[in-house]
């Protein structure tokens, strides 16, 4: 028996696809307005310059960029970011003779710690929490030492307590999962003179435009800290991995831009003086004595 629809039922059935299209368009604009309605305070030029950090290209300073991995050709990934290292002379991570720092806010993320533990590195895993008493310090293994710190505690002072002046840090990763505090940690490391000992520095950066609390002073702070990494501490950006999921509408430039990424720097002072790249990458004003000799002379 054929199904017979009344005229009113047929009209309602025809209107259903139009209603669905309307709802899709409505919710799309609602989501888009989350970003379009953000208003930044202060000098928009400063904000624009901060977002331009995601557009820059890495410096051609490392001839051998490889993935940090142990038996996995894809390398270890954290939140979809591959962890890259420079394998040039002076930057290699030596098995069973290496030190790694992981600074994070995710309690249950141990990918990097587990990977470098298999290399034989001594690992300090630092969890930043609003209440540092909620997690007690412990050894996850013979190699991985776990500590919980308050969000405002000094990472630099912690490293000073754990290390002798001659202790080098082969790899430091800062992955906080939210924007802002990574720059405070970088500034703290500079003020406490702990960047001297870091070979590789990998930092998750987040400046996504829904963070309306970011003001001109914050973005200026970001720019100043980033500039000091290069000018004062000789950190060279050798790898950038933009998060494609954060390619969103930016209310400052009125177009889509990246707002989250992983920046990877190497400390150029570790480059061996007999490396041909040393002469190519440094001018006379940048040539400094080796980091190990600087640390030993303190």
C-alpha atoms as a PDB file:
ATOM      1  CA  UNK A   1       0.000   0.000   0.000  1.00  0.00           C
ATOM      2  CA  UNK A   2       1.465   3.307  -1.022  1.00  0.00           C
ATOM      3  CA  UNK A   3       2.198   5.865   1.691  1.00  0.00           C
ATOM      4  CA  UNK A   4       0.092   8.993   1.145  1.00  0.00           C
ATOM      5  CA  UNK A   5       1.211  12.261   2.783  1.00  0.00           C
ATOM      6  CA  UNK A   6      -1.124  15.124   3.472  1.00  0.00           C
ATOM      7  CA  UNK A   7      -0.253  18.477   1.941  1.00  0.00           C
ATOM      8  CA  UNK A   8       0.665  19.964   5.329  1.00  0.00           C
ATOM      9  CA  UNK A   9       2.875  16.996   6.218  1.00  0.00           C
ATOM     10  CA  UNK A  10       4.606  17.258   2.851  1.00  0.00           C
ATOM     11  CA  UNK A  11       5.323  20.962   3.446  1.00  0.00           C
ATOM     12  CA  UNK A  12       6.779  20.234   6.889  1.00  0.00           C
ATOM     13  CA  UNK A  13       8.967  17.517   5.411  1.00  0.00           C
ATOM     14  CA  UNK A  14      10.286  19.923   2.778  1.00  0.00           C
ATOM     15  CA  UNK A  15      11.037  22.541   5.396  1.00  0.00           C
ATOM     16  CA  UNK A  16      13.149  20.162   7.495  1.00  0.00           C
ATOM     17  CA  UNK A  17      16.324  20.408   5.340  1.00  0.00           C
ATOM     18  CA  UNK A  18      15.999  24.204   5.323  1.00  0.00           C
ATOM     19  CA  UNK A  19      15.723  24.200   9.105  1.00  0.00           C
ATOM     20  CA  UNK A  20      18.850  22.064   9.411  1.00  0.00           C
ATOM     21  CA  UNK A  21      20.786  24.404   7.124  1.00  0.00           C
ATOM     22  CA  UNK A  22      19.640  27.381   9.181  1.00  0.00           C
ATOM     23  CA  UNK A  23      20.770  25.738  12.423  1.00  0.00           C
ATOM     24  CA  UNK A  24      24.178  24.882  10.970  1.00  0.00           C
ATOM     25  CA  UNK A  25      24.696  28.473   9.790  1.00  0.00           C
ATOM     26  CA  UNK A  26      23.485  29.828  13.144  1.00  0.00           C
ATOM     27  CA  UNK A  27      25.855  27.711  15.217  1.00  0.00           C
ATOM     28  CA  UNK A  28      28.748  28.431  12.857  1.00  0.00           C
ATOM     29  CA  UNK A  29      28.298  32.170  13.378  1.00  0.00           C
ATOM     30  CA  UNK A  30      27.921  31.707  17.116  1.00  0.00           C
ATOM     31  CA  UNK A  31      31.237  29.856  17.271  1.00  0.00           C
ATOM     32  CA  UNK A  32      32.910  32.383  14.995  1.00  0.00           C
ATOM     33  CA  UNK A  33      31.708  35.232  17.209  1.00  0.00           C
ATOM     34  CA  UNK A  34      33.614  33.747  20.125  1.00  0.00           C
ATOM     35  CA  UNK A  35      36.687  35.034  18.336  1.00  0.00           C
ATOM     36  CA  UNK A  36      35.252  38.062  16.536  1.00  0.00           C
ATOM     37  CA  UNK A  37      33.925  39.608  19.737  1.00  0.00           C
ATOM     38  CA  UNK A  38      37.274  39.489  21.492  1.00  0.00           C
ATOM     39  CA  UNK A  39      38.613  42.964  22.076  1.00  0.00           C
ATOM     40  CA  UNK A  40      42.270  43.555  22.884  1.00  0.00           C
ATOM     41  CA  UNK A  41      43.290  46.543  24.918  1.00  0.00           C
ATOM     42  CA  UNK A  42      46.158  48.782  23.989  1.00  0.00           C
ATOM     43  CA  UNK A  43      48.414  49.030  20.956  1.00  0.00           C
ATOM     44  CA  UNK A  44      47.210  46.709  18.197  1.00  0.00           C
ATOM     45  CA  UNK A  45      50.621  46.882  16.529  1.00  0.00           C
ATOM     46  CA  UNK A  46      52.180  45.135  19.524  1.00  0.00           C
ATOM     47  CA  UNK A  47      49.506  42.425  19.399  1.00  0.00           C
ATOM     48  CA  UNK A  48      50.051  41.963  15.664  1.00  0.00           C
ATOM     49  CA  UNK A  49      53.801  41.578  16.186  1.00  0.00           C
ATOM     50  CA  UNK A  50      53.157  38.890  18.805  1.00  0.00           C
ATOM     51  CA  UNK A  51      50.994  36.883  16.403  1.00  0.00           C
ATOM     52  CA  UNK A  52      53.635  37.331  13.705  1.00  0.00           C
ATOM     53  CA  UNK A  53      55.851  35.050  15.793  1.00  0.00           C
ATOM     54  CA  UNK A  54      53.860  32.148  14.337  1.00  0.00           C
ATOM     55  CA  UNK A  55      54.686  33.256  10.781  1.00  0.00           C
ATOM     56  CA  UNK A  56      58.458  33.280  11.109  1.00  0.00           C
ATOM     57  CA  UNK A  57      60.670  30.638   9.583  1.00  0.00           C
ATOM     58  CA  UNK A  58      63.258  28.674  11.572  1.00  0.00           C
ATOM     59  CA  UNK A  59      66.881  29.721  11.239  1.00  0.00           C
ATOM     60  CA  UNK A  60      68.900  27.423   8.993  1.00  0.00           C
ATOM     61  CA  UNK A  61      71.291  26.745  11.856  1.00  0.00           C
ATOM     62  CA  UNK A  62      71.095  22.963  12.262  1.00  0.00           C
ATOM     63  CA  UNK A  63      72.132  20.649   9.439  1.00  0.00           C
ATOM     64  CA  UNK A  64      70.773  17.486  11.073  1.00  0.00           C
ATOM     65  CA  UNK A  65      67.271  17.927  12.525  1.00  0.00           C
ATOM     66  CA  UNK A  66      65.999  14.545  13.693  1.00  0.00           C
ATOM     67  CA  UNK A  67      63.118  13.247  15.784  1.00  0.00           C
ATOM     68  CA  UNK A  68      63.632  12.275  19.378  1.00  0.00           C
ATOM     69  CA  UNK A  69      62.767   8.593  19.352  1.00  0.00           C
ATOM     70  CA  UNK A  70      63.758   5.171  20.595  1.00  0.00           C
ATOM     71  CA  UNK A  71      62.925   2.570  17.987  1.00  0.00           C
ATOM     72  CA  UNK A  72      59.944   4.561  16.679  1.00  0.00           C
ATOM     73  CA  UNK A  73      60.618   6.133  13.268  1.00  0.00           C
ATOM     74  CA  UNK A  74      57.770   8.625  13.842  1.00  0.00           C
ATOM     75  CA  UNK A  75      59.369   9.858  17.038  1.00  0.00           C
ATOM     76  CA  UNK A  76      57.659  10.796  20.270  1.00  0.00           C
ATOM     77  CA  UNK A  77      54.726  13.175  19.938  1.00  0.00           C
ATOM     78  CA  UNK A  78      53.090  15.326  22.603  1.00  0.00           C
ATOM     79  CA  UNK A  79      49.666  16.732  21.739  1.00  0.00           C
ATOM     80  CA  UNK A  80      50.437  16.050  18.052  1.00  0.00           C
ATOM     81  CA  UNK A  81      53.755  17.939  18.230  1.00  0.00           C
ATOM     82  CA  UNK A  82      56.794  15.867  17.171  1.00  0.00           C
ATOM     83  CA  UNK A  83      59.813  16.436  19.409  1.00  0.00           C
ATOM     84  CA  UNK A  84      62.775  17.479  17.254  1.00  0.00           C
ATOM     85  CA  UNK A  85      66.413  17.684  18.230  1.00  0.00           C
ATOM     86  CA  UNK A  86      69.568  18.903  16.516  1.00  0.00           C
ATOM     87  CA  UNK A  87      72.077  16.135  15.942  1.00  0.00           C
ATOM     88  CA  UNK A  88      74.964  18.408  14.927  1.00  0.00           C
ATOM     89  CA  UNK A  89      78.297  18.108  16.702  1.00  0.00           C
ATOM     90  CA  UNK A  90      77.945  19.419  20.250  1.00  0.00           C
ATOM     91  CA  UNK A  91      74.164  18.983  20.461  1.00  0.00           C
ATOM     92  CA  UNK A  92      73.827  15.203  20.424  1.00  0.00           C
ATOM     93  CA  UNK A  93      72.021  13.553  23.327  1.00  0.00           C
ATOM     94  CA  UNK A  94      74.454  10.957  24.627  1.00  0.00           C
ATOM     95  CA  UNK A  95      72.867   7.707  25.797  1.00  0.00           C
ATOM     96  CA  UNK A  96      73.227   6.924  29.516  1.00  0.00           C
ATOM     97  CA  UNK A  97      74.798  10.348  30.076  1.00  0.00           C
ATOM     98  CA  UNK A  98      72.044  12.924  29.643  1.00  0.00           C
ATOM     99  CA  UNK A  99      69.722  15.133  31.675  1.00  0.00           C
ATOM    100  CA  UNK A 100      66.178  16.111  30.674  1.00  0.00           C
ATOM    101  CA  UNK A 101      63.653  18.466  32.263  1.00  0.00           C
ATOM    102  CA  UNK A 102      59.918  18.201  31.542  1.00  0.00           C
ATOM    103  CA  UNK A 103      57.771  21.092  32.825  1.00  0.00           C
ATOM    104  CA  UNK A 104      54.065  20.404  32.414  1.00  0.00           C
ATOM    105  CA  UNK A 105      50.519  20.698  33.750  1.00  0.00           C
ATOM    106  CA  UNK A 106      49.158  17.324  32.614  1.00  0.00           C
ATOM    107  CA  UNK A 107      49.462  14.727  35.365  1.00  0.00           C
ATOM    108  CA  UNK A 108      49.006  11.646  33.197  1.00  0.00           C
ATOM    109  CA  UNK A 109      51.230  12.542  30.233  1.00  0.00           C
ATOM    110  CA  UNK A 110      54.478  10.571  30.408  1.00  0.00           C
ATOM    111  CA  UNK A 111      55.395  10.086  26.732  1.00  0.00           C
ATOM    112  CA  UNK A 112      58.558  12.172  26.786  1.00  0.00           C
ATOM    113  CA  UNK A 113      59.708  10.866  30.177  1.00  0.00           C
ATOM    114  CA  UNK A 114      59.266   7.257  29.076  1.00  0.00           C
ATOM    115  CA  UNK A 115      61.138   7.881  25.826  1.00  0.00           C
ATOM    116  CA  UNK A 116      64.211   9.572  27.279  1.00  0.00           C
ATOM    117  CA  UNK A 117      64.276   7.064  30.135  1.00  0.00           C
ATOM    118  CA  UNK A 118      64.891   4.347  27.523  1.00  0.00           C
ATOM    119  CA  UNK A 119      67.865   6.397  26.313  1.00  0.00           C
ATOM    120  CA  UNK A 120      69.212   6.302  29.863  1.00  0.00           C
ATOM    121  CA  UNK A 121      68.651   9.974  30.698  1.00  0.00           C
ATOM    122  CA  UNK A 122      68.091  11.305  34.176  1.00  0.00           C
ATOM    123  CA  UNK A 123      64.695  13.001  34.013  1.00  0.00           C
ATOM    124  CA  UNK A 124      63.185  15.675  36.245  1.00  0.00           C
ATOM    125  CA  UNK A 125      59.440  15.818  35.641  1.00  0.00           C
ATOM    126  CA  UNK A 126      57.941  18.977  37.140  1.00  0.00           C
ATOM    127  CA  UNK A 127      54.162  19.230  37.455  1.00  0.00           C
ATOM    128  CA  UNK A 128      52.889  22.782  37.919  1.00  0.00           C
ATOM    129  CA  UNK A 129      49.699  22.785  39.952  1.00  0.00           C
ATOM    130  CA  UNK A 130      47.558  25.400  41.673  1.00  0.00           C
ATOM    131  CA  UNK A 131      47.981  23.329  44.825  1.00  0.00           C
ATOM    132  CA  UNK A 132      51.445  21.765  44.812  1.00  0.00           C
ATOM    133  CA  UNK A 133      50.639  19.747  47.949  1.00  0.00           C
ATOM    134  CA  UNK A 134      48.153  17.571  46.078  1.00  0.00           C
ATOM    135  CA  UNK A 135      50.973  15.500  44.549  1.00  0.00           C
ATOM    136  CA  UNK A 136      53.926  14.307  46.598  1.00  0.00           C
ATOM    137  CA  UNK A 137      57.444  14.129  45.099  1.00  0.00           C
ATOM    138  CA  UNK A 138      58.412  10.613  44.149  1.00  0.00           C
ATOM    139  CA  UNK A 139      60.630   8.594  41.863  1.00  0.00           C
ATOM    140  CA  UNK A 140      58.604   7.151  38.992  1.00  0.00           C
ATOM    141  CA  UNK A 141      61.619   4.946  38.292  1.00  0.00           C
ATOM    142  CA  UNK A 142      65.355   4.945  38.894  1.00  0.00           C
ATOM    143  CA  UNK A 143      65.670   7.525  36.125  1.00  0.00           C
ATOM    144  CA  UNK A 144      62.500   9.642  36.382  1.00  0.00           C
ATOM    145  CA  UNK A 145      62.175  11.966  39.379  1.00  0.00           C
ATOM    146  CA  UNK A 146      58.739  13.522  39.770  1.00  0.00           C
ATOM    147  CA  UNK A 147      58.075  16.792  41.631  1.00  0.00           C
ATOM    148  CA  UNK A 148      55.056  19.031  42.049  1.00  0.00           C
ATOM    149  CA  UNK A 149      55.560  22.804  42.161  1.00  0.00           C
ATOM    150  CA  UNK A 150      53.214  25.716  42.668  1.00  0.00           C
ATOM    151  CA  UNK A 151      52.366  27.650  39.508  1.00  0.00           C
ATOM    152  CA  UNK A 152      54.283  30.689  40.757  1.00  0.00           C
ATOM    153  CA  UNK A 153      57.327  28.833  42.102  1.00  0.00           C
ATOM    154  CA  UNK A 154      60.695  29.501  40.470  1.00  0.00           C
ATOM    155  CA  UNK A 155      61.783  26.755  38.074  1.00  0.00           C
ATOM    156  CA  UNK A 156      65.226  28.357  37.937  1.00  0.00           C
ATOM    157  CA  UNK A 157      65.746  28.057  41.689  1.00  0.00           C
ATOM    158  CA  UNK A 158      64.594  24.432  41.601  1.00  0.00           C
ATOM    159  CA  UNK A 159      67.165  23.624  38.915  1.00  0.00           C
ATOM    160  CA  UNK A 160      69.876  25.365  40.927  1.00  0.00           C
ATOM    161  CA  UNK A 161      69.121  23.129  43.902  1.00  0.00           C
ATOM    162  CA  UNK A 162      69.193  19.957  41.820  1.00  0.00           C
ATOM    163  CA  UNK A 163      72.311  20.687  39.761  1.00  0.00           C
ATOM    164  CA  UNK A 164      75.928  21.572  40.207  1.00  0.00           C
ATOM    165  CA  UNK A 165      77.310  24.477  38.197  1.00  0.00           C
ATOM    166  CA  UNK A 166      78.791  22.110  35.641  1.00  0.00           C
ATOM    167  CA  UNK A 167      75.571  20.113  35.063  1.00  0.00           C
ATOM    168  CA  UNK A 168      74.275  20.472  31.509  1.00  0.00           C
ATOM    169  CA  UNK A 169      70.639  19.953  30.476  1.00  0.00           C
ATOM    170  CA  UNK A 170      70.392  18.145  27.162  1.00  0.00           C
ATOM    171  CA  UNK A 171      66.689  18.765  26.617  1.00  0.00           C
ATOM    172  CA  UNK A 172      64.061  20.928  28.305  1.00  0.00           C
ATOM    173  CA  UNK A 173      60.411  20.786  27.330  1.00  0.00           C
ATOM    174  CA  UNK A 174      57.794  23.251  28.602  1.00  0.00           C
ATOM    175  CA  UNK A 175      54.261  22.073  27.860  1.00  0.00           C
ATOM    176  CA  UNK A 176      51.592  23.791  29.949  1.00  0.00           C
ATOM    177  CA  UNK A 177      48.434  23.257  27.935  1.00  0.00           C
ATOM    178  CA  UNK A 178      47.334  26.870  28.347  1.00  0.00           C
ATOM    179  CA  UNK A 179      48.874  30.135  27.294  1.00  0.00           C
ATOM    180  CA  UNK A 180      50.742  32.716  29.310  1.00  0.00           C
ATOM    181  CA  UNK A 181      52.838  31.032  31.969  1.00  0.00           C
ATOM    182  CA  UNK A 182      55.369  29.600  29.526  1.00  0.00           C
ATOM    183  CA  UNK A 183      56.748  33.131  29.033  1.00  0.00           C
ATOM    184  CA  UNK A 184      57.010  33.700  32.783  1.00  0.00           C
ATOM    185  CA  UNK A 185      58.984  30.453  33.086  1.00  0.00           C
ATOM    186  CA  UNK A 186      61.327  31.487  30.263  1.00  0.00           C
ATOM    187  CA  UNK A 187      61.893  34.851  31.923  1.00  0.00           C
ATOM    188  CA  UNK A 188      62.567  33.109  35.244  1.00  0.00           C
ATOM    189  CA  UNK A 189      65.115  30.794  33.619  1.00  0.00           C
ATOM    190  CA  UNK A 190      66.898  33.801  32.149  1.00  0.00           C
ATOM    191  CA  UNK A 191      66.912  35.756  35.408  1.00  0.00           C
ATOM    192  CA  UNK A 192      68.353  32.757  37.287  1.00  0.00           C
ATOM    193  CA  UNK A 193      70.955  32.154  34.526  1.00  0.00           C
ATOM    194  CA  UNK A 194      69.787  28.587  33.935  1.00  0.00           C
ATOM    195  CA  UNK A 195      69.455  28.838  30.146  1.00  0.00           C
ATOM    196  CA  UNK A 196      73.254  28.720  29.982  1.00  0.00           C
ATOM    197  CA  UNK A 197      73.113  24.989  30.664  1.00  0.00           C
ATOM    198  CA  UNK A 198      70.235  24.071  28.272  1.00  0.00           C
ATOM    199  CA  UNK A 199      71.134  22.579  24.861  1.00  0.00           C
ATOM    200  CA  UNK A 200      67.616  22.067  23.461  1.00  0.00           C
ATOM    201  CA  UNK A 201      64.621  24.135  24.531  1.00  0.00           C
ATOM    202  CA  UNK A 202      61.160  23.072  23.318  1.00  0.00           C
ATOM    203  CA  UNK A 203      58.196  25.238  24.330  1.00  0.00           C
ATOM    204  CA  UNK A 204      54.490  24.990  23.604  1.00  0.00           C
ATOM    205  CA  UNK A 205      53.269  28.513  22.822  1.00  0.00           C
ATOM    206  CA  UNK A 206      49.612  29.524  23.017  1.00  0.00           C
ATOM    207  CA  UNK A 207      48.287  32.976  22.108  1.00  0.00           C
ATOM    208  CA  UNK A 208      44.834  31.981  20.873  1.00  0.00           C
ATOM    209  CA  UNK A 209      42.476  34.955  20.578  1.00  0.00           C
ATOM    210  CA  UNK A 210      39.792  33.699  22.966  1.00  0.00           C
ATOM    211  CA  UNK A 211      42.157  34.647  25.774  1.00  0.00           C
ATOM    212  CA  UNK A 212      40.695  38.113  26.190  1.00  0.00           C
ATOM    213  CA  UNK A 213      42.645  38.741  29.390  1.00  0.00           C
ATOM    214  CA  UNK A 214      45.800  39.200  27.309  1.00  0.00           C
ATOM    215  CA  UNK A 215      46.610  42.891  27.179  1.00  0.00           C
ATOM    216  CA  UNK A 216      49.189  45.047  25.462  1.00  0.00           C
ATOM    217  CA  UNK A 217      51.536  44.635  28.422  1.00  0.00           C
ATOM    218  CA  UNK A 218      51.345  40.836  28.116  1.00  0.00           C
ATOM    219  CA  UNK A 219      52.076  40.832  24.397  1.00  0.00           C
ATOM    220  CA  UNK A 220      54.951  43.276  24.921  1.00  0.00           C
ATOM    221  CA  UNK A 221      56.277  40.910  27.603  1.00  0.00           C
ATOM    222  CA  UNK A 222      56.073  38.040  25.099  1.00  0.00           C
ATOM    223  CA  UNK A 223      58.023  40.014  22.486  1.00  0.00           C
ATOM    224  CA  UNK A 224      60.662  41.170  24.965  1.00  0.00           C
ATOM    225  CA  UNK A 225      61.209  37.643  26.304  1.00  0.00           C
ATOM    226  CA  UNK A 226      61.432  36.155  22.821  1.00  0.00           C
ATOM    227  CA  UNK A 227      63.948  38.822  21.785  1.00  0.00           C
ATOM    228  CA  UNK A 228      66.125  38.169  24.836  1.00  0.00           C
ATOM    229  CA  UNK A 229      66.335  34.485  23.985  1.00  0.00           C
ATOM    230  CA  UNK A 230      68.147  35.419  20.796  1.00  0.00           C
ATOM    231  CA  UNK A 231      70.018  38.585  21.696  1.00  0.00           C
ATOM    232  CA  UNK A 232      71.196  37.756  25.205  1.00  0.00           C
ATOM    233  CA  UNK A 233      71.205  33.961  25.428  1.00  0.00           C
ATOM    234  CA  UNK A 234      72.103  32.979  21.854  1.00  0.00           C
ATOM    235  CA  UNK A 235      69.113  30.639  21.520  1.00  0.00           C
ATOM    236  CA  UNK A 236      68.433  29.925  17.847  1.00  0.00           C
ATOM    237  CA  UNK A 237      64.976  28.864  16.632  1.00  0.00           C
ATOM    238  CA  UNK A 238      65.618  25.759  14.520  1.00  0.00           C
ATOM    239  CA  UNK A 239      62.162  24.165  14.327  1.00  0.00           C
ATOM    240  CA  UNK A 240      58.529  25.367  14.374  1.00  0.00           C
ATOM    241  CA  UNK A 241      55.433  23.165  14.428  1.00  0.00           C
ATOM    242  CA  UNK A 242      52.207  25.154  14.148  1.00  0.00           C
ATOM    243  CA  UNK A 243      49.028  23.578  15.481  1.00  0.00           C
ATOM    244  CA  UNK A 244      46.730  23.409  12.455  1.00  0.00           C
ATOM    245  CA  UNK A 245      43.659  23.076  14.678  1.00  0.00           C
ATOM    246  CA  UNK A 246      44.286  26.592  16.009  1.00  0.00           C
ATOM    247  CA  UNK A 247      44.247  28.234  12.601  1.00  0.00           C
ATOM    248  CA  UNK A 248      41.358  30.495  13.656  1.00  0.00           C
ATOM    249  CA  UNK A 249      39.937  33.922  13.017  1.00  0.00           C
ATOM    250  CA  UNK A 250      42.120  36.615  14.556  1.00  0.00           C
ATOM    251  CA  UNK A 251      40.187  39.775  15.482  1.00  0.00           C
ATOM    252  CA  UNK A 252      43.323  41.906  15.241  1.00  0.00           C
ATOM    253  CA  UNK A 253      44.254  41.188  11.638  1.00  0.00           C
ATOM    254  CA  UNK A 254      40.690  40.284  10.585  1.00  0.00           C
ATOM    255  CA  UNK A 255      41.784  37.004   9.081  1.00  0.00           C
ATOM    256  CA  UNK A 256      42.735  33.506  10.122  1.00  0.00           C
ATOM    257  CA  UNK A 257      46.136  33.015  11.742  1.00  0.00           C
ATOM    258  CA  UNK A 258      47.884  30.362  13.785  1.00  0.00           C
ATOM    259  CA  UNK A 259      47.861  31.004  17.504  1.00  0.00           C
ATOM    260  CA  UNK A 260      49.452  27.901  19.017  1.00  0.00           C
ATOM    261  CA  UNK A 261      52.698  26.206  18.160  1.00  0.00           C
ATOM    262  CA  UNK A 262      55.739  24.434  19.428  1.00  0.00           C
ATOM    263  CA  UNK A 263      58.984  26.396  19.123  1.00  0.00           C
ATOM    264  CA  UNK A 264      62.301  24.576  19.384  1.00  0.00           C
ATOM    265  CA  UNK A 265      65.553  26.426  20.095  1.00  0.00           C
ATOM    266  CA  UNK A 266      69.154  25.292  20.402  1.00  0.00           C
ATOM    267  CA  UNK A 267      71.780  27.037  22.486  1.00  0.00           C
ATOM    268  CA  UNK A 268      74.296  28.116  19.888  1.00  0.00           C
ATOM    269  CA  UNK A 269      77.021  28.326  22.535  1.00  0.00           C
ATOM    270  CA  UNK A 270      77.198  24.538  22.575  1.00  0.00           C
ATOM    271  CA  UNK A 271      78.326  24.387  18.958  1.00  0.00           C
ATOM    272  CA  UNK A 272      81.870  23.107  18.708  1.00  0.00           C
ATOM    273  CA  UNK A 273      84.378  25.654  17.433  1.00  0.00           C
ATOM    274  CA  UNK A 274      85.761  23.113  14.944  1.00  0.00           C
ATOM    275  CA  UNK A 275      82.288  22.735  13.395  1.00  0.00           C
ATOM    276  CA  UNK A 276      82.186  24.560  10.009  1.00  0.00           C
ATOM    277  CA  UNK A 277      78.689  25.771  10.900  1.00  0.00           C
ATOM    278  CA  UNK A 278      80.179  27.685  13.837  1.00  0.00           C
ATOM    279  CA  UNK A 279      81.916  30.190  11.574  1.00  0.00           C
ATOM    280  CA  UNK A 280      78.945  30.449   9.249  1.00  0.00           C
ATOM    281  CA  UNK A 281      76.322  31.079  11.923  1.00  0.00           C
ATOM    282  CA  UNK A 282      78.126  33.485  14.232  1.00  0.00           C
ATOM    283  CA  UNK A 283      79.582  36.893  13.608  1.00  0.00           C
ATOM    284  CA  UNK A 284      82.489  38.257  15.630  1.00  0.00           C
ATOM    285  CA  UNK A 285      80.258  39.971  18.182  1.00  0.00           C
ATOM    286  CA  UNK A 286      78.455  36.705  18.944  1.00  0.00           C
ATOM    287  CA  UNK A 287      81.448  34.444  19.462  1.00  0.00           C
ATOM    288  CA  UNK A 288      81.625  33.333  23.075  1.00  0.00           C
ATOM    289  CA  UNK A 289      83.568  30.775  25.011  1.00  0.00           C
ATOM    290  CA  UNK A 290      82.062  27.320  25.344  1.00  0.00           C
ATOM    291  CA  UNK A 291      79.222  26.864  27.809  1.00  0.00           C
ATOM    292  CA  UNK A 292      81.012  24.161  29.774  1.00  0.00           C
ATOM    293  CA  UNK A 293      83.950  26.458  30.464  1.00  0.00           C
ATOM    294  CA  UNK A 294      81.593  29.266  31.487  1.00  0.00           C
ATOM    295  CA  UNK A 295      79.775  27.019  33.955  1.00  0.00           C
ATOM    296  CA  UNK A 296      82.984  25.648  35.430  1.00  0.00           C
ATOM    297  CA  UNK A 297      84.317  29.149  35.997  1.00  0.00           C
ATOM    298  CA  UNK A 298      81.339  30.219  38.116  1.00  0.00           C
END
